[in-house]
Amino acid sequence: TVNVTLDPDTAQSRLILSEDQRSVMQGPIQQSWLDNPEQFDPWPCVLGCKGFNSGRLCWEVEVGYSSCWAVGVALESVKRKGPIDMSPVGGIWAVGRYKEKFQALTSPSPT
């Protein structure tokens, strides 16, 4: 199991990181900080501080009771501003829940 420390410089402005930077939640209002080129906008995303390029890793993730969430891995070079292709084509490999459906974020989108 890998412990992930989240990178506050990449966190979208509505995301609130815990003091130890190991958990995140979406807040009701936008945080007021300077626009950072590393920061996601407008998507509520955050990257981990430490990357990897090989090996076999696993994470335990608690998503709570939300009906809309996604968790996965992304290339460090993933687009962070404007529309993002939430799929391997866009550099993101993730699974999520949207309303009552669980799905893998793929390209092309599942029908």
PDB file of N, CA and C in Angstrom:
ATOM      1  N   THR A   1       0.839  -1.181   0.000  1.00  0.00           N
ATOM      2  CA  THR A   1       0.000   0.000   0.000  1.00  0.00           C
ATOM      3  C   THR A   1       0.882   1.241   0.000  1.00  0.00           C
ATOM      4  N   VAL A   2       0.465   2.248  -0.742  1.00  0.00           N
ATOM      5  CA  VAL A   2       1.215   3.493  -0.860  1.00  0.00           C
ATOM      6  C   VAL A   2       0.459   4.596  -0.135  1.00  0.00           C
ATOM      7  N   ASN A   3       1.150   5.359   0.704  1.00  0.00           N
ATOM      8  CA  ASN A   3       0.545   6.532   1.328  1.00  0.00           C
ATOM      9  C   ASN A   3       0.708   7.708   0.382  1.00  0.00           C
ATOM     10  N   VAL A   4      -0.381   8.373   0.056  1.00  0.00           N
ATOM     11  CA  VAL A   4      -0.347   9.490  -0.877  1.00  0.00           C
ATOM     12  C   VAL A   4      -0.487  10.799  -0.109  1.00  0.00           C
ATOM     13  N   THR A   5       0.440  11.715  -0.347  1.00  0.00           N
ATOM     14  CA  THR A   5       0.340  13.073   0.159  1.00  0.00           C
ATOM     15  C   THR A   5      -0.117  13.936  -1.003  1.00  0.00           C
ATOM     16  N   LEU A   6      -1.212  14.647  -0.825  1.00  0.00           N
ATOM     17  CA  LEU A   6      -1.786  15.447  -1.896  1.00  0.00           C
ATOM     18  C   LEU A   6      -1.028  16.764  -2.057  1.00  0.00           C
ATOM     19  N   ASP A   7      -0.939  17.234  -3.284  1.00  0.00           N
ATOM     20  CA  ASP A   7      -0.199  18.453  -3.617  1.00  0.00           C
ATOM     21  C   ASP A   7      -1.152  19.647  -3.621  1.00  0.00           C
ATOM     22  N   PRO A   8      -1.085  20.520  -2.614  1.00  0.00           N
ATOM     23  CA  PRO A   8      -2.015  21.650  -2.552  1.00  0.00           C
ATOM     24  C   PRO A   8      -1.881  22.600  -3.739  1.00  0.00           C
ATOM     25  N   ASP A   9      -0.719  22.651  -4.369  1.00  0.00           N
ATOM     26  CA  ASP A   9      -0.537  23.535  -5.526  1.00  0.00           C
ATOM     27  C   ASP A   9      -1.378  23.107  -6.720  1.00  0.00           C
ATOM     28  N   THR A  10      -1.801  21.832  -6.764  1.00  0.00           N
ATOM     29  CA  THR A  10      -2.598  21.350  -7.891  1.00  0.00           C
ATOM     30  C   THR A  10      -4.091  21.327  -7.587  1.00  0.00           C
ATOM     31  N   ALA A  11      -4.474  21.514  -6.332  1.00  0.00           N
ATOM     32  CA  ALA A  11      -5.877  21.384  -5.921  1.00  0.00           C
ATOM     33  C   ALA A  11      -6.744  22.493  -6.498  1.00  0.00           C
ATOM     34  N   GLN A  12      -7.854  22.095  -7.103  1.00  0.00           N
ATOM     35  CA  GLN A  12      -8.833  23.064  -7.599  1.00  0.00           C
ATOM     36  C   GLN A  12      -9.315  23.899  -6.417  1.00  0.00           C
ATOM     37  N   SER A  13      -9.689  25.140  -6.651  1.00  0.00           N
ATOM     38  CA  SER A  13      -9.926  26.097  -5.566  1.00  0.00           C
ATOM     39  C   SER A  13     -11.116  25.780  -4.657  1.00  0.00           C
ATOM     40  N   ARG A  14     -12.002  24.859  -5.029  1.00  0.00           N
ATOM     41  CA  ARG A  14     -13.101  24.473  -4.126  1.00  0.00           C
ATOM     42  C   ARG A  14     -12.720  23.291  -3.243  1.00  0.00           C
ATOM     43  N   LEU A  15     -11.558  22.710  -3.468  1.00  0.00           N
ATOM     44  CA  LEU A  15     -11.150  21.542  -2.693  1.00  0.00           C
ATOM     45  C   LEU A  15     -10.445  21.963  -1.412  1.00  0.00           C
ATOM     46  N   ILE A  16     -10.756  21.266  -0.344  1.00  0.00           N
ATOM     47  CA  ILE A  16     -10.155  21.529   0.958  1.00  0.00           C
ATOM     48  C   ILE A  16      -9.347  20.303   1.348  1.00  0.00           C
ATOM     49  N   LEU A  17      -8.034  20.480   1.499  1.00  0.00           N
ATOM     50  CA  LEU A  17      -7.158  19.389   1.905  1.00  0.00           C
ATOM     51  C   LEU A  17      -7.064  19.353   3.418  1.00  0.00           C
ATOM     52  N   SER A  18      -6.961  18.147   3.973  1.00  0.00           N
ATOM     53  CA  SER A  18      -6.774  18.004   5.415  1.00  0.00           C
ATOM     54  C   SER A  18      -5.402  18.549   5.795  1.00  0.00           C
ATOM     55  N   GLU A  19      -5.215  18.780   7.081  1.00  0.00           N
ATOM     56  CA  GLU A  19      -3.950  19.329   7.560  1.00  0.00           C
ATOM     57  C   GLU A  19      -2.763  18.442   7.185  1.00  0.00           C
ATOM     58  N   ASP A  20      -2.949  17.110   7.232  1.00  0.00           N
ATOM     59  CA  ASP A  20      -1.857  16.197   6.883  1.00  0.00           C
ATOM     60  C   ASP A  20      -1.772  15.941   5.370  1.00  0.00           C
ATOM     61  N   GLN A  21      -2.646  16.572   4.602  1.00  0.00           N
ATOM     62  CA  GLN A  21      -2.671  16.480   3.137  1.00  0.00           C
ATOM     63  C   GLN A  21      -2.873  15.046   2.635  1.00  0.00           C
ATOM     64  N   ARG A  22      -3.628  14.251   3.388  1.00  0.00           N
ATOM     65  CA  ARG A  22      -3.908  12.876   2.974  1.00  0.00           C
ATOM     66  C   ARG A  22      -5.372  12.659   2.609  1.00  0.00           C
ATOM     67  N   SER A  23      -6.196  13.674   2.799  1.00  0.00           N
ATOM     68  CA  SER A  23      -7.596  13.553   2.393  1.00  0.00           C
ATOM     69  C   SER A  23      -8.074  14.892   1.837  1.00  0.00           C
ATOM     70  N   VAL A  24      -9.157  14.811   1.074  1.00  0.00           N
ATOM     71  CA  VAL A  24      -9.682  16.002   0.409  1.00  0.00           C
ATOM     72  C   VAL A  24     -11.201  15.945   0.409  1.00  0.00           C
ATOM     73  N   MET A  25     -11.818  17.108   0.486  1.00  0.00           N
ATOM     74  CA  MET A  25     -13.268  17.196   0.337  1.00  0.00           C
ATOM     75  C   MET A  25     -13.588  18.467  -0.429  1.00  0.00           C
ATOM     76  N   GLN A  26     -14.746  18.454  -1.067  1.00  0.00           N
ATOM     77  CA  GLN A  26     -15.150  19.632  -1.815  1.00  0.00           C
ATOM     78  C   GLN A  26     -15.895  20.565  -0.889  1.00  0.00           C
ATOM     79  N   GLY A  27     -15.465  21.820  -0.856  1.00  0.00           N
ATOM     80  CA  GLY A  27     -16.100  22.810  -0.003  1.00  0.00           C
ATOM     81  C   GLY A  27     -17.244  23.518  -0.700  1.00  0.00           C
ATOM     82  N   PRO A  28     -18.058  24.231   0.083  1.00  0.00           N
ATOM     83  CA  PRO A  28     -19.214  24.917  -0.485  1.00  0.00           C
ATOM     84  C   PRO A  28     -18.851  26.174  -1.268  1.00  0.00           C
ATOM     85  N   ILE A  29     -17.705  26.758  -0.952  1.00  0.00           N
ATOM     86  CA  ILE A  29     -17.308  27.983  -1.648  1.00  0.00           C
ATOM     87  C   ILE A  29     -15.873  27.868  -2.134  1.00  0.00           C
ATOM     88  N   GLN A  30     -15.565  28.692  -3.103  1.00  0.00           N
ATOM     89  CA  GLN A  30     -14.230  28.700  -3.679  1.00  0.00           C
ATOM     90  C   GLN A  30     -13.248  29.312  -2.689  1.00  0.00           C
ATOM     91  N   GLN A  31     -12.097  28.661  -2.511  1.00  0.00           N
ATOM     92  CA  GLN A  31     -11.048  29.196  -1.660  1.00  0.00           C
ATOM     93  C   GLN A  31     -10.414  30.381  -2.383  1.00  0.00           C
ATOM     94  N   SER A  32      -9.947  31.358  -1.656  1.00  0.00           N
ATOM     95  CA  SER A  32      -9.341  32.520  -2.314  1.00  0.00           C
ATOM     96  C   SER A  32      -7.823  32.400  -2.260  1.00  0.00           C
ATOM     97  N   TRP A  33      -7.259  31.962  -3.376  1.00  0.00           N
ATOM     98  CA  TRP A  33      -5.812  31.981  -3.505  1.00  0.00           C
ATOM     99  C   TRP A  33      -5.466  32.303  -4.938  1.00  0.00           C
ATOM    100  N   LEU A  34      -4.226  32.655  -5.143  1.00  0.00           N
ATOM    101  CA  LEU A  34      -3.795  33.081  -6.472  1.00  0.00           C
ATOM    102  C   LEU A  34      -3.920  31.958  -7.482  1.00  0.00           C
ATOM    103  N   ASP A  35      -4.214  32.338  -8.713  1.00  0.00           N
ATOM    104  CA  ASP A  35      -4.259  31.362  -9.797  1.00  0.00           C
ATOM    105  C   ASP A  35      -2.864  30.786  -9.983  1.00  0.00           C
ATOM    106  N   ASN A  36      -2.768  29.492  -9.996  1.00  0.00           N
ATOM    107  CA  ASN A  36      -1.497  28.795 -10.114  1.00  0.00           C
ATOM    108  C   ASN A  36      -1.561  27.950 -11.378  1.00  0.00           C
ATOM    109  N   PRO A  37      -0.551  28.003 -12.252  1.00  0.00           N
ATOM    110  CA  PRO A  37      -0.603  27.205 -13.477  1.00  0.00           C
ATOM    111  C   PRO A  37      -0.674  25.700 -13.216  1.00  0.00           C
ATOM    112  N   GLU A  38      -0.271  25.245 -12.040  1.00  0.00           N
ATOM    113  CA  GLU A  38      -0.338  23.824 -11.699  1.00  0.00           C
ATOM    114  C   GLU A  38      -1.730  23.417 -11.204  1.00  0.00           C
ATOM    115  N   GLN A  39      -2.545  24.395 -10.855  1.00  0.00           N
ATOM    116  CA  GLN A  39      -3.859  24.151 -10.248  1.00  0.00           C
ATOM    117  C   GLN A  39      -4.897  23.762 -11.304  1.00  0.00           C
ATOM    118  N   PHE A  40      -5.746  22.787 -10.968  1.00  0.00           N
ATOM    119  CA  PHE A  40      -6.846  22.402 -11.846  1.00  0.00           C
ATOM    120  C   PHE A  40      -7.931  23.475 -11.804  1.00  0.00           C
ATOM    121  N   ASP A  41      -8.496  23.788 -12.975  1.00  0.00           N
ATOM    122  CA  ASP A  41      -9.582  24.750 -13.064  1.00  0.00           C
ATOM    123  C   ASP A  41     -10.331  24.533 -14.370  1.00  0.00           C
ATOM    124  N   PRO A  42     -11.584  24.212 -14.368  1.00  0.00           N
ATOM    125  CA  PRO A  42     -12.550  24.265 -13.268  1.00  0.00           C
ATOM    126  C   PRO A  42     -12.812  22.920 -12.598  1.00  0.00           C
ATOM    127  N   TRP A  43     -12.188  21.832 -13.056  1.00  0.00           N
ATOM    128  CA  TRP A  43     -12.497  20.492 -12.529  1.00  0.00           C
ATOM    129  C   TRP A  43     -11.986  20.310 -11.102  1.00  0.00           C
ATOM    130  N   PRO A  44     -12.772  19.679 -10.208  1.00  0.00           N
ATOM    131  CA  PRO A  44     -12.351  19.447  -8.828  1.00  0.00           C
ATOM    132  C   PRO A  44     -11.373  18.274  -8.739  1.00  0.00           C
ATOM    133  N   CYS A  45     -10.116  18.545  -9.066  1.00  0.00           N
ATOM    134  CA  CYS A  45      -9.070  17.510  -9.083  1.00  0.00           C
ATOM    135  C   CYS A  45      -7.884  17.960  -8.250  1.00  0.00           C
ATOM    136  N   VAL A  46      -7.092  16.990  -7.804  1.00  0.00           N
ATOM    137  CA  VAL A  46      -5.840  17.247  -7.102  1.00  0.00           C
ATOM    138  C   VAL A  46      -4.910  16.074  -7.389  1.00  0.00           C
ATOM    139  N   LEU A  47      -3.624  16.356  -7.525  1.00  0.00           N
ATOM    140  CA  LEU A  47      -2.626  15.311  -7.746  1.00  0.00           C
ATOM    141  C   LEU A  47      -1.879  15.018  -6.452  1.00  0.00           C
ATOM    142  N   GLY A  48      -1.231  13.869  -6.402  1.00  0.00           N
ATOM    143  CA  GLY A  48      -0.341  13.547  -5.300  1.00  0.00           C
ATOM    144  C   GLY A  48       0.993  14.255  -5.486  1.00  0.00           C
ATOM    145  N   CYS A  49       1.728  14.444  -4.395  1.00  0.00           N
ATOM    146  CA  CYS A  49       3.029  15.119  -4.458  1.00  0.00           C
ATOM    147  C   CYS A  49       4.085  14.278  -5.158  1.00  0.00           C
ATOM    148  N   LYS A  50       4.058  12.989  -4.900  1.00  0.00           N
ATOM    149  CA  LYS A  50       5.109  12.114  -5.405  1.00  0.00           C
ATOM    150  C   LYS A  50       4.569  11.279  -6.557  1.00  0.00           C
ATOM    151  N   GLY A  51       5.292  11.296  -7.664  1.00  0.00           N
ATOM    152  CA  GLY A  51       4.888  10.503  -8.811  1.00  0.00           C
ATOM    153  C   GLY A  51       5.619   9.173  -8.855  1.00  0.00           C
ATOM    154  N   PHE A  52       5.267   8.370  -9.837  1.00  0.00           N
ATOM    155  CA  PHE A  52       5.940   7.100 -10.063  1.00  0.00           C
ATOM    156  C   PHE A  52       5.857   6.804 -11.544  1.00  0.00           C
ATOM    157  N   ASN A  53       6.783   5.982 -12.041  1.00  0.00           N
ATOM    158  CA  ASN A  53       6.743   5.644 -13.469  1.00  0.00           C
ATOM    159  C   ASN A  53       6.831   4.151 -13.732  1.00  0.00           C
ATOM    160  N   SER A  54       6.879   3.357 -12.683  1.00  0.00           N
ATOM    161  CA  SER A  54       6.863   1.908 -12.878  1.00  0.00           C
ATOM    162  C   SER A  54       6.538   1.242 -11.543  1.00  0.00           C
ATOM    163  N   GLY A  55       6.307  -0.055 -11.618  1.00  0.00           N
ATOM    164  CA  GLY A  55       6.030  -0.815 -10.410  1.00  0.00           C
ATOM    165  C   GLY A  55       4.561  -1.131 -10.263  1.00  0.00           C
ATOM    166  N   ARG A  56       4.254  -1.821  -9.207  1.00  0.00           N
ATOM    167  CA  ARG A  56       2.884  -2.216  -8.904  1.00  0.00           C
ATOM    168  C   ARG A  56       2.508  -1.558  -7.580  1.00  0.00           C
ATOM    169  N   LEU A  57       1.472  -0.752  -7.601  1.00  0.00           N
ATOM    170  CA  LEU A  57       1.067   0.004  -6.426  1.00  0.00           C
ATOM    171  C   LEU A  57      -0.414  -0.217  -6.158  1.00  0.00           C
ATOM    172  N   CYS A  58      -0.816  -0.027  -4.908  1.00  0.00           N
ATOM    173  CA  CYS A  58      -2.243  -0.077  -4.600  1.00  0.00           C
ATOM    174  C   CYS A  58      -2.547   0.962  -3.531  1.00  0.00           C
ATOM    175  N   TRP A  59      -3.796   1.400  -3.524  1.00  0.00           N
ATOM    176  CA  TRP A  59      -4.259   2.394  -2.576  1.00  0.00           C
ATOM    177  C   TRP A  59      -5.558   1.922  -1.966  1.00  0.00           C
ATOM    178  N   GLU A  60      -5.772   2.285  -0.713  1.00  0.00           N
ATOM    179  CA  GLU A  60      -7.082   2.126  -0.090  1.00  0.00           C
ATOM    180  C   GLU A  60      -7.698   3.504  -0.063  1.00  0.00           C
ATOM    181  N   VAL A  61      -8.909   3.613  -0.583  1.00  0.00           N
ATOM    182  CA  VAL A  61      -9.566   4.909  -0.705  1.00  0.00           C
ATOM    183  C   VAL A  61     -10.945   4.840  -0.065  1.00  0.00           C
ATOM    184  N   GLU A  62     -11.256   5.815   0.782  1.00  0.00           N
ATOM    185  CA  GLU A  62     -12.598   5.939   1.344  1.00  0.00           C
ATOM    186  C   GLU A  62     -13.281   7.101   0.644  1.00  0.00           C
ATOM    187  N   VAL A  63     -14.427   6.836   0.032  1.00  0.00           N
ATOM    188  CA  VAL A  63     -15.118   7.886  -0.719  1.00  0.00           C
ATOM    189  C   VAL A  63     -16.351   8.420   0.004  1.00  0.00           C
ATOM    190  N   GLY A  64     -16.672   7.883   1.140  1.00  0.00           N
ATOM    191  CA  GLY A  64     -17.822   8.363   1.894  1.00  0.00           C
ATOM    192  C   GLY A  64     -19.136   8.026   1.211  1.00  0.00           C
ATOM    193  N   TYR A  65     -20.120   8.885   1.409  1.00  0.00           N
ATOM    194  CA  TYR A  65     -21.468   8.614   0.909  1.00  0.00           C
ATOM    195  C   TYR A  65     -21.835   9.429  -0.322  1.00  0.00           C
ATOM    196  N   SER A  66     -20.874  10.055  -0.940  1.00  0.00           N
ATOM    197  CA  SER A  66     -21.155  10.886  -2.110  1.00  0.00           C
ATOM    198  C   SER A  66     -21.645  10.044  -3.284  1.00  0.00           C
ATOM    199  N   SER A  67     -22.544  10.597  -4.069  1.00  0.00           N
ATOM    200  CA  SER A  67     -23.036   9.891  -5.254  1.00  0.00           C
ATOM    201  C   SER A  67     -22.255  10.280  -6.505  1.00  0.00           C
ATOM    202  N   CYS A  68     -21.266  11.143  -6.354  1.00  0.00           N
ATOM    203  CA  CYS A  68     -20.471  11.565  -7.505  1.00  0.00           C
ATOM    204  C   CYS A  68     -19.013  11.719  -7.077  1.00  0.00           C
ATOM    205  N   TRP A  69     -18.149  10.828  -7.575  1.00  0.00           N
ATOM    206  CA  TRP A  69     -16.729  10.881  -7.253  1.00  0.00           C
ATOM    207  C   TRP A  69     -15.951  10.107  -8.307  1.00  0.00           C
ATOM    208  N   ALA A  70     -14.651  10.357  -8.352  1.00  0.00           N
ATOM    209  CA  ALA A  70     -13.743   9.583  -9.201  1.00  0.00           C
ATOM    210  C   ALA A  70     -12.391   9.538  -8.512  1.00  0.00           C
ATOM    211  N   VAL A  71     -11.685   8.448  -8.707  1.00  0.00           N
ATOM    212  CA  VAL A  71     -10.342   8.308  -8.164  1.00  0.00           C
ATOM    213  C   VAL A  71      -9.511   7.535  -9.179  1.00  0.00           C
ATOM    214  N   GLY A  72      -8.253   7.930  -9.322  1.00  0.00           N
ATOM    215  CA  GLY A  72      -7.414   7.256 -10.305  1.00  0.00           C
ATOM    216  C   GLY A  72      -6.012   7.823 -10.322  1.00  0.00           C
ATOM    217  N   VAL A  73      -5.353   7.617 -11.439  1.00  0.00           N
ATOM    218  CA  VAL A  73      -4.000   8.126 -11.645  1.00  0.00           C
ATOM    219  C   VAL A  73      -3.992   8.971 -12.907  1.00  0.00           C
ATOM    220  N   ALA A  74      -3.015   9.889 -12.979  1.00  0.00           N
ATOM    221  CA  ALA A  74      -2.920  10.782 -14.133  1.00  0.00           C
ATOM    222  C   ALA A  74      -1.458  11.032 -14.462  1.00  0.00           C
ATOM    223  N   LEU A  75      -1.213  11.324 -15.719  1.00  0.00           N
ATOM    224  CA  LEU A  75       0.117  11.757 -16.116  1.00  0.00           C
ATOM    225  C   LEU A  75       0.408  13.108 -15.477  1.00  0.00           C
ATOM    226  N   GLU A  76       1.672  13.358 -15.129  1.00  0.00           N
ATOM    227  CA  GLU A  76       2.038  14.649 -14.558  1.00  0.00           C
ATOM    228  C   GLU A  76       1.714  15.782 -15.537  1.00  0.00           C
ATOM    229  N   SER A  77       1.769  15.486 -16.823  1.00  0.00           N
ATOM    230  CA  SER A  77       1.534  16.490 -17.865  1.00  0.00           C
ATOM    231  C   SER A  77       0.053  16.670 -18.209  1.00  0.00           C
ATOM    232  N   VAL A  78      -0.862  16.079 -17.441  1.00  0.00           N
ATOM    233  CA  VAL A  78      -2.291  16.159 -17.739  1.00  0.00           C
ATOM    234  C   VAL A  78      -2.738  17.624 -17.826  1.00  0.00           C
ATOM    235  N   LYS A  79      -3.657  17.901 -18.750  1.00  0.00           N
ATOM    236  CA  LYS A  79      -4.202  19.248 -18.913  1.00  0.00           C
ATOM    237  C   LYS A  79      -4.931  19.642 -17.632  1.00  0.00           C
ATOM    238  N   ARG A  80      -4.715  20.862 -17.182  1.00  0.00           N
ATOM    239  CA  ARG A  80      -5.311  21.289 -15.913  1.00  0.00           C
ATOM    240  C   ARG A  80      -6.278  22.457 -16.042  1.00  0.00           C
ATOM    241  N   LYS A  81      -6.295  23.114 -17.166  1.00  0.00           N
ATOM    242  CA  LYS A  81      -7.173  24.275 -17.359  1.00  0.00           C
ATOM    243  C   LYS A  81      -8.194  23.974 -18.447  1.00  0.00           C
ATOM    244  N   GLY A  82      -9.420  24.418 -18.227  1.00  0.00           N
ATOM    245  CA  GLY A  82     -10.468  24.242 -19.224  1.00  0.00           C
ATOM    246  C   GLY A  82     -10.963  22.813 -19.282  1.00  0.00           C
ATOM    247  N   PRO A  83     -11.592  22.435 -20.406  1.00  0.00           N
ATOM    248  CA  PRO A  83     -12.124  21.074 -20.545  1.00  0.00           C
ATOM    249  C   PRO A  83     -11.009  20.029 -20.466  1.00  0.00           C
ATOM    250  N   ILE A  84     -11.261  18.963 -19.736  1.00  0.00           N
ATOM    251  CA  ILE A  84     -10.283  17.883 -19.574  1.00  0.00           C
ATOM    252  C   ILE A  84     -10.898  16.596 -20.101  1.00  0.00           C
ATOM    253  N   ASP A  85     -10.131  15.844 -20.875  1.00  0.00           N
ATOM    254  CA  ASP A  85     -10.572  14.535 -21.358  1.00  0.00           C
ATOM    255  C   ASP A  85     -10.305  13.529 -20.244  1.00  0.00           C
ATOM    256  N   MET A  86     -11.337  13.191 -19.485  1.00  0.00           N
ATOM    257  CA  MET A  86     -11.209  12.269 -18.354  1.00  0.00           C
ATOM    258  C   MET A  86     -11.150  10.831 -18.853  1.00  0.00           C
ATOM    259  N   SER A  87     -10.042  10.495 -19.533  1.00  0.00           N
ATOM    260  CA  SER A  87      -9.867   9.156 -20.099  1.00  0.00           C
ATOM    261  C   SER A  87      -8.381   8.929 -20.334  1.00  0.00           C
ATOM    262  N   PRO A  88      -7.986   7.711 -20.675  1.00  0.00           N
ATOM    263  CA  PRO A  88      -6.579   7.457 -20.991  1.00  0.00           C
ATOM    264  C   PRO A  88      -6.050   8.349 -22.120  1.00  0.00           C
ATOM    265  N   VAL A  89      -6.903   8.717 -23.071  1.00  0.00           N
ATOM    266  CA  VAL A  89      -6.477   9.626 -24.140  1.00  0.00           C
ATOM    267  C   VAL A  89      -6.021  10.959 -23.546  1.00  0.00           C
ATOM    268  N   GLY A  90      -6.699  11.420 -22.500  1.00  0.00           N
ATOM    269  CA  GLY A  90      -6.343  12.660 -21.825  1.00  0.00           C
ATOM    270  C   GLY A  90      -5.307  12.483 -20.732  1.00  0.00           C
ATOM    271  N   GLY A  91      -4.764  11.276 -20.566  1.00  0.00           N
ATOM    272  CA  GLY A  91      -3.742  11.027 -19.551  1.00  0.00           C
ATOM    273  C   GLY A  91      -4.295  10.686 -18.186  1.00  0.00           C
ATOM    274  N   ILE A  92      -5.551  10.220 -18.127  1.00  0.00           N
ATOM    275  CA  ILE A  92      -6.195   9.899 -16.853  1.00  0.00           C
ATOM    276  C   ILE A  92      -6.753   8.479 -16.907  1.00  0.00           C
ATOM    277  N   TRP A  93      -6.450   7.693 -15.881  1.00  0.00           N
ATOM    278  CA  TRP A  93      -7.000   6.343 -15.730  1.00  0.00           C
ATOM    279  C   TRP A  93      -7.743   6.343 -14.400  1.00  0.00           C
ATOM    280  N   ALA A  94      -9.062   6.222 -14.442  1.00  0.00           N
ATOM    281  CA  ALA A  94      -9.835   6.388 -13.210  1.00  0.00           C
ATOM    282  C   ALA A  94     -11.113   5.559 -13.239  1.00  0.00           C
ATOM    283  N   VAL A  95     -11.651   5.362 -12.054  1.00  0.00           N
ATOM    284  CA  VAL A  95     -12.975   4.776 -11.883  1.00  0.00           C
ATOM    285  C   VAL A  95     -13.780   5.766 -11.049  1.00  0.00           C
ATOM    286  N   GLY A  96     -15.095   5.689 -11.178  1.00  0.00           N
ATOM    287  CA  GLY A  96     -15.907   6.637 -10.439  1.00  0.00           C
ATOM    288  C   GLY A  96     -17.342   6.205 -10.295  1.00  0.00           C
ATOM    289  N   ARG A  97     -18.073   7.031  -9.585  1.00  0.00           N
ATOM    290  CA  ARG A  97     -19.512   6.831  -9.404  1.00  0.00           C
ATOM    291  C   ARG A  97     -20.199   8.133  -9.794  1.00  0.00           C
ATOM    292  N   TYR A  98     -21.198   8.016 -10.642  1.00  0.00           N
ATOM    293  CA  TYR A  98     -21.975   9.163 -11.076  1.00  0.00           C
ATOM    294  C   TYR A  98     -23.435   8.811 -10.894  1.00  0.00           C
ATOM    295  N   LYS A  99     -24.078   9.480  -9.938  1.00  0.00           N
ATOM    296  CA  LYS A  99     -25.439   9.154  -9.511  1.00  0.00           C
ATOM    297  C   LYS A  99     -25.439   7.713  -9.011  1.00  0.00           C
ATOM    298  N   GLU A 100     -26.107   6.802  -9.658  1.00  0.00           N
ATOM    299  CA  GLU A 100     -26.163   5.419  -9.179  1.00  0.00           C
ATOM    300  C   GLU A 100     -25.318   4.463 -10.009  1.00  0.00           C
ATOM    301  N   LYS A 101     -24.477   4.970 -10.905  1.00  0.00           N
ATOM    302  CA  LYS A 101     -23.699   4.108 -11.791  1.00  0.00           C
ATOM    303  C   LYS A 101     -22.210   4.174 -11.451  1.00  0.00           C
ATOM    304  N   PHE A 102     -21.594   3.013 -11.368  1.00  0.00           N
ATOM    305  CA  PHE A 102     -20.150   2.922 -11.226  1.00  0.00           C
ATOM    306  C   PHE A 102     -19.581   2.670 -12.614  1.00  0.00           C
ATOM    307  N   GLN A 103     -18.448   3.324 -12.937  1.00  0.00           N
ATOM    308  CA  GLN A 103     -17.886   3.127 -14.268  1.00  0.00           C
ATOM    309  C   GLN A 103     -16.405   3.444 -14.296  1.00  0.00           C
ATOM    310  N   ALA A 104     -15.742   2.866 -15.287  1.00  0.00           N
ATOM    311  CA  ALA A 104     -14.362   3.222 -15.592  1.00  0.00           C
ATOM    312  C   ALA A 104     -14.408   4.382 -16.576  1.00  0.00           C
ATOM    313  N   LEU A 105     -13.542   5.362 -16.373  1.00  0.00           N
ATOM    314  CA  LEU A 105     -13.471   6.487 -17.302  1.00  0.00           C
ATOM    315  C   LEU A 105     -12.603   6.050 -18.469  1.00  0.00           C
ATOM    316  N   THR A 106     -13.236   5.830 -19.606  1.00  0.00           N
ATOM    317  CA  THR A 106     -12.555   5.269 -20.766  1.00  0.00           C
ATOM    318  C   THR A 106     -12.781   6.146 -21.987  1.00  0.00           C
ATOM    319  N   SER A 107     -12.109   5.800 -23.044  1.00  0.00           N
ATOM    320  CA  SER A 107     -12.314   6.485 -24.318  1.00  0.00           C
ATOM    321  C   SER A 107     -12.419   5.438 -25.402  1.00  0.00           C
ATOM    322  N   PRO A 108     -13.456   5.420 -26.197  1.00  0.00           N
ATOM    323  CA  PRO A 108     -14.609   6.320 -26.110  1.00  0.00           C
ATOM    324  C   PRO A 108     -15.455   6.014 -24.885  1.00  0.00           C
ATOM    325  N   SER A 109     -16.288   6.972 -24.521  1.00  0.00           N
ATOM    326  CA  SER A 109     -17.144   6.813 -23.343  1.00  0.00           C
ATOM    327  C   SER A 109     -18.060   5.612 -23.517  1.00  0.00           C
ATOM    328  N   PRO A 110     -18.315   4.861 -22.417  1.00  0.00           N
ATOM    329  CA  PRO A 110     -19.225   3.720 -22.520  1.00  0.00           C
ATOM    330  C   PRO A 110     -20.634   4.196 -22.840  1.00  0.00           C
ATOM    331  N   THR A 111     -21.391   3.364 -23.540  1.00  0.00           N
ATOM    332  CA  THR A 111     -22.769   3.748 -23.885  1.00  0.00           C
ATOM    333  C   THR A 111     -23.757   3.012 -23.011  1.00  0.00           C
TER     334      THR A 111
END
